[in-house]
Amino acid sequence: MDEQDIANQVLGAVGGKANVIGNDICMTRLRILMNDPAQADIPTLTQISGVLGIVRRGTRSIEVVFGPGRVEGVHDELAHLTGVDGTDRALLDLGRESVHPMNVQINGSINSTKEATPVKTTRRQPNEEELSELSQLLDSDLLKDDPSTDDPSEDFEDDDEPTVHGPGLRVLVINGPNINMLGVREPQIYGTKGYEALLALCKQAAADAGFSECICYQSNHEGDLVDAIQDAFGTFDGIVINPAAYTHTSVALLDAAKAVKLPIVEVHISKIDEREEFRQVSYIRDACFETVTGMGIEGYRKAIFDLYDHIASQQ
């Protein structure tokens, strides 16, 4: 199967041209940024010729893993089919050209609807680092032929269809490590309501406040949370974030939040300022216009409403 056929199949499996807003390369991986990640058909993607596996990146991106020498050609064909190329939005919005570290030319607008201009790339043989990564992938649980592999589609938040309400503002709710254990983890501190109750509260609060869409994302891994913040740039209008334990340790989350320059509300279920001394340090706070603490999961409702009011006041 040639690279054009593969690109066509990949495009169909991720929801078509209208759902793709970015297409880039990371070593042997084709990174695709989507409007709606729920449209990605992971089982179909894993069955496409040449695909070794799927990796989730942030809230709206996936990486389709190919072998060396194939990913660049598929990227080119996908850029031609969609008319979008690259995920460095700051450069794209400025209309400047840049060269990706993998020697992929980035041009055009990420929101362009014009016919694509074929993208020129500089071909080269994979280096030792790329071959090493591929070797690791071959030994990992990403391979589609490994019977122990979990369904990668489980990595995506199973969100309901967004409620259309208000002027089309979108909010991203980010939760850090162990928030998925609500109701089980120290209920005397964090309450007895589970994570599903938190998701339902955020969805309803966002609709009531006036947001047209609310996406909830949780990860126990710092890099995933950084990716989620970065992916919010140009996609969401604001962020509500509970970094959990990373509140007190992560300069990386602070740097990502400052980079995207979105309005952000920090929220915590417990009164962290009255707990252990180490919990009274918050790095993310320097990038937030408000902090909500000690209200249980109801604090998310206040955070979402205050975020909406803040955004509306700036318009």
Protein backbone atom coordinates (compact mmCIF):
# COMPACT_ATOMS: atom_id res chain seq x y z
CA MET A 1 0.00 0.00 0.00
CA ASP A 2 1.43 3.39 -0.96
CA GLU A 3 1.61 6.42 1.31
CA GLN A 4 -1.33 8.19 -0.36
CA ASP A 5 -3.61 5.22 0.35
CA ILE A 6 -2.38 5.08 3.95
CA ALA A 7 -2.99 8.79 4.41
CA ASN A 8 -6.52 8.44 3.02
CA GLN A 9 -7.26 5.63 5.45
CA VAL A 10 -5.79 7.55 8.38
CA LEU A 11 -7.85 10.61 7.47
CA GLY A 12 -11.04 8.57 7.34
CA ALA A 13 -10.28 6.95 10.69
CA VAL A 14 -9.80 10.31 12.46
CA GLY A 15 -13.08 11.82 11.30
CA GLY A 16 -12.16 13.34 7.95
CA LYS A 17 -10.67 16.63 6.81
CA ALA A 18 -12.99 18.79 8.93
CA ASN A 19 -11.72 17.16 12.12
CA VAL A 20 -7.99 17.66 11.47
CA ILE A 21 -6.46 20.97 12.59
CA GLY A 22 -2.81 19.92 12.81
CA ASN A 23 -0.50 17.34 11.27
CA ASP A 24 3.11 17.02 12.36
CA ILE A 25 5.95 14.53 12.85
CA CYS A 26 7.62 13.45 16.08
CA MET A 27 10.39 11.01 15.20
CA THR A 28 8.62 7.95 13.76
CA ARG A 29 5.21 9.20 14.86
CA LEU A 30 2.58 11.10 12.92
CA ARG A 31 0.95 13.53 15.36
CA ILE A 32 -2.61 14.57 14.50
CA LEU A 33 -4.41 17.37 16.32
CA MET A 34 -8.21 17.13 16.13
CA ASN A 35 -11.24 19.26 16.81
CA ASP A 36 -13.06 16.29 18.33
CA PRO A 37 -10.88 13.37 19.52
CA ALA A 38 -13.97 11.22 20.08
CA GLN A 39 -14.21 10.82 16.29
CA ALA A 40 -10.91 8.93 16.16
CA ASP A 41 -11.54 5.25 15.45
CA ILE A 42 -8.57 3.71 17.26
CA PRO A 43 -9.21 0.04 16.31
CA THR A 44 -9.42 1.01 12.62
CA LEU A 45 -6.25 3.09 12.85
CA THR A 46 -4.30 0.17 14.32
CA GLN A 47 -5.30 -2.06 11.40
CA ILE A 48 -3.93 0.27 8.70
CA SER A 49 -0.91 -1.06 6.86
CA GLY A 50 2.36 0.16 8.37
CA VAL A 51 0.83 1.33 11.66
CA LEU A 52 2.65 -0.08 14.70
CA GLY A 53 0.50 1.50 17.37
CA ILE A 54 -1.31 4.57 18.69
CA VAL A 55 -0.20 6.94 21.45
CA ARG A 56 -2.46 9.56 23.03
CA ARG A 57 -1.02 13.07 23.45
CA GLY A 58 -2.87 15.62 25.56
CA THR A 59 -6.61 16.05 25.12
CA ARG A 60 -6.92 16.40 21.36
CA SER A 61 -3.89 14.72 19.81
CA ILE A 62 -2.87 11.22 18.90
CA GLU A 63 0.38 9.91 17.50
CA VAL A 64 0.21 7.18 14.87
CA VAL A 65 3.41 5.15 15.10
CA PHE A 66 5.01 4.07 11.82
CA GLY A 67 8.28 2.43 10.94
CA PRO A 68 11.26 4.55 9.81
CA GLY A 69 11.10 5.88 6.26
CA ARG A 70 7.30 5.86 5.99
CA VAL A 71 6.03 8.51 8.39
CA GLU A 72 7.31 11.50 6.39
CA GLY A 73 5.55 10.40 3.21
CA VAL A 74 2.26 9.79 5.03
CA HIS A 75 2.59 13.21 6.68
CA ASP A 76 3.07 14.86 3.28
CA GLU A 77 0.03 13.14 1.82
CA LEU A 78 -2.11 13.98 4.85
CA ALA A 79 -1.04 17.64 4.62
CA HIS A 80 -2.00 17.61 0.93
CA LEU A 81 -5.40 16.08 1.68
CA THR A 82 -6.29 18.38 4.57
CA GLY A 83 -4.51 21.62 3.72
CA VAL A 84 -3.11 21.85 7.25
CA ASP A 85 0.37 21.11 8.41
CA GLY A 86 2.20 21.54 11.69
CA THR A 87 1.09 22.18 15.27
CA ASP A 88 3.35 25.09 16.15
CA ARG A 89 0.41 27.47 16.25
CA ALA A 90 2.29 30.52 17.40
CA LEU A 91 4.39 30.43 14.23
CA LEU A 92 1.41 29.57 12.07
CA ASP A 93 -0.67 32.43 13.45
CA LEU A 94 2.17 34.83 12.68
CA GLY A 95 2.22 33.54 9.11
CA ARG A 96 5.89 32.74 9.33
CA GLU A 97 7.68 29.73 7.90
CA SER A 98 9.64 27.44 10.14
CA VAL A 99 11.53 24.21 9.83
CA HIS A 100 10.47 21.38 12.09
CA PRO A 101 13.33 19.49 13.77
CA MET A 102 12.51 16.61 11.43
CA ASN A 103 13.07 18.90 8.41
CA VAL A 104 9.38 19.28 7.63
CA GLN A 105 8.41 22.61 6.10
CA ILE A 106 5.55 24.28 8.02
CA ASN A 107 3.44 26.74 6.07
CA GLY A 108 -0.10 28.04 5.63
CA SER A 109 -2.72 28.53 8.31
CA ILE A 110 -3.90 25.87 10.67
CA ASN A 111 -7.50 26.93 10.00
CA SER A 112 -7.10 27.16 6.23
CA THR A 113 -9.88 25.73 4.07
CA LYS A 114 -8.05 26.30 0.78
CA GLU A 115 -6.75 23.53 -1.42
CA ALA A 116 -3.47 22.25 -0.06
CA THR A 117 -0.13 23.02 -1.62
CA PRO A 118 2.08 19.94 -1.64
CA VAL A 119 4.51 20.13 1.25
CA LYS A 120 8.19 19.74 0.46
CA THR A 121 10.29 17.78 2.89
CA THR A 122 13.92 16.84 3.11
CA ARG A 123 14.22 13.08 3.14
CA ARG A 124 16.84 11.40 5.28
CA GLN A 125 17.58 8.05 6.85
CA PRO A 126 16.50 7.58 10.47
CA ASN A 127 19.20 8.30 13.01
CA GLU A 128 20.25 6.07 15.89
CA GLU A 129 17.86 7.76 18.33
CA GLU A 130 14.86 7.10 16.07
CA LEU A 131 15.89 3.50 15.47
CA SER A 132 16.31 3.05 19.21
CA GLU A 133 12.79 4.39 19.81
CA LEU A 134 11.38 2.06 17.17
CA SER A 135 13.16 -0.87 18.79
CA GLN A 136 11.60 0.06 22.13
CA LEU A 137 8.18 0.29 20.51
CA LEU A 138 8.61 -3.18 19.03
CA ASP A 139 9.14 -4.49 22.56
CA SER A 140 6.31 -2.45 24.08
CA ASP A 141 2.57 -2.96 24.44
CA LEU A 142 1.84 -0.44 21.67
CA LEU A 143 2.03 -3.09 18.96
CA LYS A 144 -1.29 -3.96 17.44
CA ASP A 145 -0.40 -7.68 17.27
CA ASP A 146 0.38 -7.92 20.99
CA PRO A 147 -2.61 -9.69 22.59
CA SER A 148 -1.88 -8.02 25.92
CA THR A 149 -2.35 -4.54 24.48
CA ASP A 150 -5.22 -2.58 26.03
CA ASP A 151 -7.68 -0.86 23.76
CA PRO A 152 -6.05 2.55 23.15
CA SER A 153 -9.48 4.09 22.68
CA GLU A 154 -9.86 3.87 26.47
CA ASP A 155 -7.31 6.67 26.77
CA PHE A 156 -9.87 9.14 25.47
CA GLU A 157 -12.40 10.77 27.75
CA ASP A 158 -15.84 9.46 26.81
CA ASP A 159 -17.50 12.84 26.64
CA ASP A 160 -21.13 13.41 25.81
CA GLU A 161 -22.08 15.55 22.87
CA PRO A 162 -21.44 19.19 23.83
CA THR A 163 -24.45 21.27 24.78
CA VAL A 164 -24.79 24.23 22.45
CA HIS A 165 -25.22 27.23 24.70
CA GLY A 166 -23.95 30.79 24.63
CA PRO A 167 -21.50 32.40 22.20
CA GLY A 168 -19.36 29.31 21.60
CA LEU A 169 -16.79 29.58 24.40
CA ARG A 170 -14.95 26.37 25.27
CA VAL A 171 -13.50 25.38 28.63
CA LEU A 172 -10.93 22.69 29.41
CA VAL A 173 -10.95 21.17 32.90
CA ILE A 174 -7.61 19.53 33.75
CA ASN A 175 -7.12 17.24 36.74
CA GLY A 176 -3.83 15.86 37.96
CA PRO A 177 -2.80 12.65 39.73
CA ASN A 178 -5.22 10.68 41.92
CA ILE A 179 -8.23 12.88 41.17
CA ASN A 180 -9.66 9.82 39.39
CA MET A 181 -9.67 8.14 42.83
CA LEU A 182 -12.22 10.53 44.32
CA GLY A 183 -14.60 8.76 46.68
CA VAL A 184 -11.92 6.22 47.52
CA ARG A 185 -8.94 8.38 48.38
CA GLU A 186 -9.06 9.84 51.90
CA PRO A 187 -12.81 10.63 51.89
CA GLN A 188 -12.47 12.57 55.13
CA ILE A 189 -10.45 15.13 53.12
CA TYR A 190 -11.72 14.81 49.55
CA GLY A 191 -15.31 13.73 50.14
CA THR A 192 -17.30 10.67 49.18
CA LYS A 193 -18.40 11.71 45.70
CA GLY A 194 -16.56 9.91 42.90
CA TYR A 195 -14.83 11.15 39.77
CA GLU A 196 -17.92 10.52 37.65
CA ALA A 197 -19.84 12.94 39.85
CA LEU A 198 -17.12 15.54 39.31
CA LEU A 199 -17.36 15.11 35.52
CA ALA A 200 -21.14 15.50 35.60
CA LEU A 201 -20.86 18.60 37.78
CA CYS A 202 -18.34 20.23 35.44
CA LYS A 203 -20.44 19.51 32.36
CA GLN A 204 -23.58 20.93 33.93
CA ALA A 205 -21.80 23.93 35.44
CA ALA A 206 -20.21 24.79 32.09
CA ALA A 207 -23.56 24.66 30.32
CA ASP A 208 -25.21 26.73 33.05
CA ALA A 209 -22.43 29.30 32.97
CA GLY A 210 -22.66 29.75 29.21
CA PHE A 211 -19.88 27.63 27.74
CA SER A 212 -20.73 25.76 24.56
CA GLU A 213 -18.34 22.90 25.33
CA CYS A 214 -16.57 21.47 28.36
CA ILE A 215 -13.85 18.85 27.98
CA CYS A 216 -12.56 17.13 31.13
CA TYR A 217 -9.11 15.59 31.13
CA GLN A 218 -7.24 13.70 33.86
CA SER A 219 -3.79 12.16 33.96
CA ASN A 220 -1.39 10.88 36.58
CA HIS A 221 1.58 11.90 34.42
CA GLU A 222 3.16 15.35 34.41
CA GLY A 223 4.06 15.35 30.71
CA ASP A 224 0.49 14.52 29.73
CA LEU A 225 -0.74 17.52 31.70
CA VAL A 226 1.82 19.76 29.98
CA ASP A 227 0.59 18.44 26.62
CA ALA A 228 -3.02 19.14 27.60
CA ILE A 229 -2.20 22.76 28.45
CA GLN A 230 -0.26 23.21 25.21
CA ASP A 231 -3.04 21.62 23.15
CA ALA A 232 -5.50 24.12 24.65
CA PHE A 233 -3.74 26.96 22.82
CA GLY A 234 -5.99 28.14 20.00
CA THR A 235 -8.59 25.48 20.87
CA PHE A 236 -10.07 26.51 24.22
CA ASP A 237 -10.97 29.89 25.65
CA GLY A 238 -9.92 29.10 29.21
CA ILE A 239 -8.75 26.42 31.63
CA VAL A 240 -9.82 25.22 35.05
CA ILE A 241 -6.97 23.21 36.55
CA ASN A 242 -6.36 21.11 39.63
CA PRO A 243 -2.78 19.88 39.24
CA ALA A 244 -3.14 17.93 42.52
CA ALA A 245 0.31 16.91 43.81
CA TYR A 246 2.00 18.62 40.85
CA THR A 247 0.69 21.93 42.23
CA HIS A 248 3.57 21.88 44.68
CA THR A 249 6.34 20.55 42.44
CA SER A 250 5.85 21.32 38.76
CA VAL A 251 7.57 24.29 37.18
CA ALA A 252 6.82 22.60 33.83
CA LEU A 253 3.07 23.11 34.28
CA LEU A 254 3.65 26.74 35.22
CA ASP A 255 5.81 27.31 32.14
CA ALA A 256 3.20 25.70 29.87
CA ALA A 257 0.42 27.79 31.39
CA LYS A 258 2.40 30.99 30.95
CA ALA A 259 3.22 30.04 27.36
CA VAL A 260 -0.39 29.60 26.20
CA LYS A 261 -1.52 32.83 27.93
CA LEU A 262 -5.07 31.60 28.48
CA PRO A 263 -7.21 32.68 31.45
CA ILE A 264 -6.82 29.97 34.09
CA VAL A 265 -8.49 29.25 37.42
CA GLU A 266 -6.69 27.04 39.94
CA VAL A 267 -9.02 24.84 41.98
CA HIS A 268 -8.45 22.47 44.90
CA ILE A 269 -10.97 20.28 46.67
CA SER A 270 -9.36 20.67 50.09
CA LYS A 271 -8.04 23.76 51.88
CA ILE A 272 -4.43 23.26 50.83
CA ASP A 273 -3.33 26.45 52.60
CA GLU A 274 -4.31 24.88 55.93
CA ARG A 275 -2.68 21.49 55.34
CA GLU A 276 0.94 20.31 55.41
CA GLU A 277 3.56 22.96 54.84
CA PHE A 278 4.66 21.52 51.50
CA ARG A 279 1.10 21.75 50.16
CA GLN A 280 1.05 25.49 50.77
CA VAL A 281 3.38 26.02 47.81
CA SER A 282 1.63 26.44 44.44
CA TYR A 283 3.67 26.96 41.30
CA ILE A 284 0.68 27.06 38.95
CA ARG A 285 -0.84 29.97 40.89
CA ASP A 286 1.48 32.45 39.19
CA ALA A 287 -0.32 31.75 35.89
CA CYS A 288 -3.87 31.92 37.30
CA PHE A 289 -6.12 34.91 37.89
CA GLU A 290 -8.01 33.12 40.69
CA THR A 291 -7.66 30.22 43.12
CA VAL A 292 -10.63 28.31 44.59
CA THR A 293 -9.96 26.00 47.56
CA GLY A 294 -11.79 24.10 50.25
CA MET A 295 -15.22 23.87 48.64
CA GLY A 296 -15.09 20.18 47.73
CA ILE A 297 -16.02 19.37 44.15
CA GLU A 298 -18.44 22.32 44.25
CA GLY A 299 -15.34 24.48 43.91
CA TYR A 300 -15.23 23.45 40.26
CA ARG A 301 -18.64 25.03 39.72
CA LYS A 302 -17.42 28.34 41.14
CA ALA A 303 -14.21 28.12 39.11
CA ILE A 304 -16.12 27.51 35.87
CA PHE A 305 -18.58 30.35 36.49
CA ASP A 306 -15.81 32.76 37.47
CA LEU A 307 -13.80 31.77 34.40
CA TYR A 308 -16.76 32.47 32.12
CA ASP A 309 -17.38 35.85 33.72
CA HIS A 310 -13.70 36.72 33.38
CA ILE A 311 -13.61 35.80 29.68
CA ALA A 312 -16.87 37.64 28.98
CA SER A 313 -15.53 40.77 30.69
CA GLN A 314 -12.52 40.79 28.38
CA GLN A 315 -14.58 40.67 25.19
